[in-house]
C-alpha atoms as a PDB file:
ATOM      1  CA  MET A   1      48.655 -80.989 -54.614  1.00  0.00           C
ATOM      2  CA  PRO A   2      52.014 -82.425 -55.725  1.00  0.00           C
ATOM      3  CA  LYS A   3      52.057 -85.579 -57.820  1.00  0.00           C
ATOM      4  CA  GLN A   4      53.004 -88.789 -56.043  1.00  0.00           C
ATOM      5  CA  ILE A   5      55.189 -91.572 -57.358  1.00  0.00           C
ATOM      6  CA  ARG A   6      53.916 -95.084 -56.691  1.00  0.00           C
ATOM      7  CA  LEU A   7      56.497 -97.860 -56.509  1.00  0.00           C
ATOM      8  CA  ASN A   8      55.419-101.411 -57.278  1.00  0.00           C
ATOM      9  CA  GLY A   9      57.578-104.506 -56.935  1.00  0.00           C
ATOM     10  CA  PHE A  10      57.091-107.318 -59.459  1.00  0.00           C
ATOM     11  CA  ASP A  11      58.003-110.985 -59.094  1.00  0.00           C
ATOM     12  CA  MET A  12      57.118-114.065 -61.098  1.00  0.00           C
ATOM     13  CA  ASN A  13      56.547-117.622 -59.949  1.00  0.00           C
ATOM     14  CA  CYS A  14      59.740-118.905 -61.578  1.00  0.00           C
ATOM     15  CA  VAL A  15      63.488-118.978 -60.965  1.00  0.00           C
ATOM     16  CA  ALA A  16      64.455-116.359 -63.563  1.00  0.00           C
ATOM     17  CA  HIS A  17      62.578-114.506 -66.260  1.00  0.00           C
ATOM     18  CA  GLN A  18      63.686-110.911 -66.601  1.00  0.00           C
ATOM     19  CA  SER A  19      67.160-111.499 -65.192  1.00  0.00           C
ATOM     20  CA  PRO A  20      68.928-114.389 -66.957  1.00  0.00           C
ATOM     21  CA  GLY A  21      72.339-115.102 -65.479  1.00  0.00           C
ATOM     22  CA  LEU A  22      71.552-113.532 -62.112  1.00  0.00           C
ATOM     23  CA  SER A  23      71.340-116.984 -60.549  1.00  0.00           C
ATOM     24  CA  ALA A  24      75.147-117.104 -60.699  1.00  0.00           C
ATOM     25  CA  HIS A  25      75.358-114.177 -58.237  1.00  0.00           C
ATOM     26  CA  PRO A  26      76.312-115.398 -54.729  1.00  0.00           C
ATOM     27  CA  ARG A  27      73.487-113.433 -53.062  1.00  0.00           C
ATOM     28  CA  ASP A  28      70.757-114.608 -55.472  1.00  0.00           C
ATOM     29  CA  ARG A  29      67.922-116.509 -53.767  1.00  0.00           C
ATOM     30  CA  GLY A  30      65.725-117.003 -56.828  1.00  0.00           C
ATOM     31  CA  ASP A  31      65.777-120.770 -56.424  1.00  0.00           C
ATOM     32  CA  ARG A  32      63.588-120.322 -53.324  1.00  0.00           C
ATOM     33  CA  TYR A  33      60.839-118.574 -55.320  1.00  0.00           C
ATOM     34  CA  ASN A  34      58.281-121.184 -54.268  1.00  0.00           C
ATOM     35  CA  THR A  35      58.699-120.773 -50.498  1.00  0.00           C
ATOM     36  CA  LEU A  36      56.823-118.492 -48.149  1.00  0.00           C
ATOM     37  CA  ASP A  37      60.082-117.301 -46.569  1.00  0.00           C
ATOM     38  CA  TYR A  38      61.269-115.987 -49.952  1.00  0.00           C
ATOM     39  CA  ARG A  39      58.058-114.002 -50.456  1.00  0.00           C
ATOM     40  CA  VAL A  40      58.126-112.578 -46.913  1.00  0.00           C
ATOM     41  CA  GLU A  41      61.783-111.563 -47.276  1.00  0.00           C
ATOM     42  CA  LEU A  42      61.011-109.890 -50.605  1.00  0.00           C
ATOM     43  CA  ALA A  43      58.049-108.003 -49.121  1.00  0.00           C
ATOM     44  CA  ARG A  44      60.131-106.813 -46.175  1.00  0.00           C
ATOM     45  CA  THR A  45      62.905-105.614 -48.481  1.00  0.00           C
ATOM     46  CA  LEU A  46      60.410-103.659 -50.565  1.00  0.00           C
ATOM     47  CA  GLU A  47      58.811-102.232 -47.427  1.00  0.00           C
ATOM     48  CA  ARG A  48      62.196-100.935 -46.249  1.00  0.00           C
ATOM     49  CA  GLY A  49      62.523 -99.281 -49.662  1.00  0.00           C
ATOM     50  CA  LYS A  50      59.125 -97.561 -49.180  1.00  0.00           C
ATOM     51  CA  PHE A  51      57.443 -99.504 -52.015  1.00  0.00           C
ATOM     52  CA  ASP A  52      53.649 -99.267 -52.178  1.00  0.00           C
ATOM     53  CA  ALA A  53      52.857-102.732 -53.476  1.00  0.00           C
ATOM     54  CA  LEU A  54      54.167-106.120 -54.536  1.00  0.00           C
ATOM     55  CA  PHE A  55      52.656-107.876 -57.554  1.00  0.00           C
ATOM     56  CA  LEU A  56      53.189-111.646 -57.618  1.00  0.00           C
ATOM     57  CA  ALA A  57      52.552-112.891 -61.135  1.00  0.00           C
ATOM     58  CA  GLY A  58      51.462-116.468 -61.623  1.00  0.00           C
ATOM     59  CA  VAL A  59      53.012-118.067 -64.684  1.00  0.00           C
ATOM     60  CA  LEU A  60      52.621-121.449 -66.324  1.00  0.00           C
ATOM     61  CA  GLY A  61      55.692-123.622 -66.411  1.00  0.00           C
ATOM     62  CA  ILE A  62      57.472-126.507 -64.823  1.00  0.00           C
END
């Protein structure tokens, strides 16, 4: 049986963590990280890309 590749999306409950400066991009929507619409849009994007999962990390912060 051939090996399978599993793709997992990762997002954190904050505006920017792994991508400083991305918020300046005109298509960035990271400021909406705390809305349901943002999460649904992210999940749909990953689904179109054939991702297997989405991990939403909870972080402490303001």
